[in-house]
């Protein structure tokens, strides 16, 4: 092997290692600020809606029994109702 090939292999190795360990040196994932409670509530509402959609898909393809589907769906609906109520009360305050 000539020097150019060895240099190219070394650079590819260093680049690969750098790419793999790069996330370890990042500060943090950017989430909404803790003080911005309204944004967190909206995010939670979207997540619960997504869970309901996934639950419906699981039921439609036969991965869940009707009892499990109804129980879980009702729990998620109660949870999202609480979040929506918090969003409404938070909006009334401002």
C-alpha atoms as a PDB file:
ATOM      1  CA  UNK A   1       0.000   0.000   0.000  1.00  0.00           C
ATOM      2  CA  UNK A   2       1.182   3.427  -0.744  1.00  0.00           C
ATOM      3  CA  UNK A   3       1.110   6.417   1.565  1.00  0.00           C
ATOM      4  CA  UNK A   4      -1.995   7.973  -0.026  1.00  0.00           C
ATOM      5  CA  UNK A   5      -4.061   4.812   0.564  1.00  0.00           C
ATOM      6  CA  UNK A   6      -2.947   4.584   4.186  1.00  0.00           C
ATOM      7  CA  UNK A   7      -3.756   8.259   4.736  1.00  0.00           C
ATOM      8  CA  UNK A   8      -7.193   7.817   3.163  1.00  0.00           C
ATOM      9  CA  UNK A   9      -7.952   4.782   5.347  1.00  0.00           C
ATOM     10  CA  UNK A  10      -6.798   6.663   8.452  1.00  0.00           C
ATOM     11  CA  UNK A  11      -8.987   9.676   7.635  1.00  0.00           C
ATOM     12  CA  UNK A  12     -11.998   7.451   7.028  1.00  0.00           C
ATOM     13  CA  UNK A  13     -11.402   5.702  10.358  1.00  0.00           C
ATOM     14  CA  UNK A  14     -11.043   8.971  12.272  1.00  0.00           C
ATOM     15  CA  UNK A  15     -14.149  10.378  10.578  1.00  0.00           C
ATOM     16  CA  UNK A  16     -16.181   7.279  11.435  1.00  0.00           C
ATOM     17  CA  UNK A  17     -15.091   7.304  15.067  1.00  0.00           C
ATOM     18  CA  UNK A  18     -15.806  11.028  15.308  1.00  0.00           C
ATOM     19  CA  UNK A  19     -19.274  10.550  13.874  1.00  0.00           C
ATOM     20  CA  UNK A  20     -20.068   7.755  16.339  1.00  0.00           C
ATOM     21  CA  UNK A  21     -18.875   9.538  19.487  1.00  0.00           C
ATOM     22  CA  UNK A  22     -20.136  13.014  18.537  1.00  0.00           C
ATOM     23  CA  UNK A  23     -23.493  12.652  20.412  1.00  0.00           C
ATOM     24  CA  UNK A  24     -21.594  12.034  23.636  1.00  0.00           C
ATOM     25  CA  UNK A  25     -20.255  15.582  23.573  1.00  0.00           C
ATOM     26  CA  UNK A  26     -23.491  17.421  22.829  1.00  0.00           C
ATOM     27  CA  UNK A  27     -24.981  19.425  25.684  1.00  0.00           C
ATOM     28  CA  UNK A  28     -28.527  18.066  25.706  1.00  0.00           C
ATOM     29  CA  UNK A  29     -31.569  17.467  23.597  1.00  0.00           C
ATOM     30  CA  UNK A  30     -33.595  20.615  23.198  1.00  0.00           C
ATOM     31  CA  UNK A  31     -36.998  20.273  24.806  1.00  0.00           C
ATOM     32  CA  UNK A  32     -39.349  23.114  25.588  1.00  0.00           C
ATOM     33  CA  UNK A  33     -38.212  25.176  28.563  1.00  0.00           C
ATOM     34  CA  UNK A  34     -39.538  23.943  31.898  1.00  0.00           C
ATOM     35  CA  UNK A  35     -41.175  27.298  32.481  1.00  0.00           C
ATOM     36  CA  UNK A  36     -43.204  26.925  29.318  1.00  0.00           C
ATOM     37  CA  UNK A  37     -45.815  24.603  30.776  1.00  0.00           C
ATOM     38  CA  UNK A  38     -48.320  25.242  28.002  1.00  0.00           C
ATOM     39  CA  UNK A  39     -45.942  23.899  25.346  1.00  0.00           C
ATOM     40  CA  UNK A  40     -45.263  20.801  27.441  1.00  0.00           C
ATOM     41  CA  UNK A  41     -48.979  20.185  27.826  1.00  0.00           C
ATOM     42  CA  UNK A  42     -49.535  20.527  24.076  1.00  0.00           C
ATOM     43  CA  UNK A  43     -46.695  18.095  23.439  1.00  0.00           C
ATOM     44  CA  UNK A  44     -48.188  15.616  25.902  1.00  0.00           C
ATOM     45  CA  UNK A  45     -51.584  15.943  24.184  1.00  0.00           C
ATOM     46  CA  UNK A  46     -50.047  15.165  20.781  1.00  0.00           C
ATOM     47  CA  UNK A  47     -48.232  12.153  22.218  1.00  0.00           C
ATOM     48  CA  UNK A  48     -51.424  10.752  23.733  1.00  0.00           C
ATOM     49  CA  UNK A  49     -53.313  11.252  20.467  1.00  0.00           C
ATOM     50  CA  UNK A  50     -50.547   9.375  18.675  1.00  0.00           C
ATOM     51  CA  UNK A  51     -50.816   6.564  21.238  1.00  0.00           C
ATOM     52  CA  UNK A  52     -54.565   6.331  20.594  1.00  0.00           C
ATOM     53  CA  UNK A  53     -53.957   6.072  16.846  1.00  0.00           C
ATOM     54  CA  UNK A  54     -51.368   3.336  17.354  1.00  0.00           C
ATOM     55  CA  UNK A  55     -53.742   1.520  19.692  1.00  0.00           C
ATOM     56  CA  UNK A  56     -56.484   1.631  17.054  1.00  0.00           C
ATOM     57  CA  UNK A  57     -54.094   0.262  14.438  1.00  0.00           C
ATOM     58  CA  UNK A  58     -53.043  -2.572  16.760  1.00  0.00           C
ATOM     59  CA  UNK A  59     -56.690  -3.442  17.369  1.00  0.00           C
ATOM     60  CA  UNK A  60     -57.550  -3.344  13.654  1.00  0.00           C
ATOM     61  CA  UNK A  61     -54.768  -5.752  12.730  1.00  0.00           C
ATOM     62  CA  UNK A  62     -55.720  -8.098  15.551  1.00  0.00           C
ATOM     63  CA  UNK A  63     -52.894  -7.558  18.030  1.00  0.00           C
ATOM     64  CA  UNK A  64     -55.308  -6.603  20.845  1.00  0.00           C
ATOM     65  CA  UNK A  65     -58.482  -8.125  22.198  1.00  0.00           C
ATOM     66  CA  UNK A  66     -61.560  -5.923  22.290  1.00  0.00           C
ATOM     67  CA  UNK A  67     -61.469  -5.765  26.104  1.00  0.00           C
ATOM     68  CA  UNK A  68     -57.835  -4.635  26.169  1.00  0.00           C
ATOM     69  CA  UNK A  69     -58.499  -2.138  23.385  1.00  0.00           C
ATOM     70  CA  UNK A  70     -61.492  -0.571  25.114  1.00  0.00           C
ATOM     71  CA  UNK A  71     -59.783  -0.454  28.515  1.00  0.00           C
ATOM     72  CA  UNK A  72     -56.603   1.151  27.191  1.00  0.00           C
ATOM     73  CA  UNK A  73     -58.475   3.552  24.916  1.00  0.00           C
ATOM     74  CA  UNK A  74     -60.658   4.754  27.796  1.00  0.00           C
ATOM     75  CA  UNK A  75     -57.581   5.296  29.982  1.00  0.00           C
ATOM     76  CA  UNK A  76     -55.888   7.318  27.240  1.00  0.00           C
ATOM     77  CA  UNK A  77     -59.059   9.343  26.640  1.00  0.00           C
ATOM     78  CA  UNK A  78     -59.292  10.187  30.351  1.00  0.00           C
ATOM     79  CA  UNK A  79     -55.645  11.189  30.383  1.00  0.00           C
ATOM     80  CA  UNK A  80     -55.971  13.432  27.325  1.00  0.00           C
ATOM     81  CA  UNK A  81     -59.133  14.995  28.803  1.00  0.00           C
ATOM     82  CA  UNK A  82     -57.138  15.964  31.907  1.00  0.00           C
ATOM     83  CA  UNK A  83     -54.394  17.461  29.754  1.00  0.00           C
ATOM     84  CA  UNK A  84     -56.908  19.428  27.667  1.00  0.00           C
ATOM     85  CA  UNK A  85     -58.528  20.734  30.843  1.00  0.00           C
ATOM     86  CA  UNK A  86     -55.113  21.871  32.111  1.00  0.00           C
ATOM     87  CA  UNK A  87     -54.468  23.595  28.768  1.00  0.00           C
ATOM     88  CA  UNK A  88     -57.824  25.395  29.011  1.00  0.00           C
ATOM     89  CA  UNK A  89     -57.232  26.467  32.600  1.00  0.00           C
ATOM     90  CA  UNK A  90     -53.723  27.619  31.760  1.00  0.00           C
ATOM     91  CA  UNK A  91     -55.047  29.618  28.813  1.00  0.00           C
ATOM     92  CA  UNK A  92     -57.705  31.266  31.021  1.00  0.00           C
ATOM     93  CA  UNK A  93     -55.014  32.445  33.458  1.00  0.00           C
ATOM     94  CA  UNK A  94     -53.170  34.383  30.785  1.00  0.00           C
END
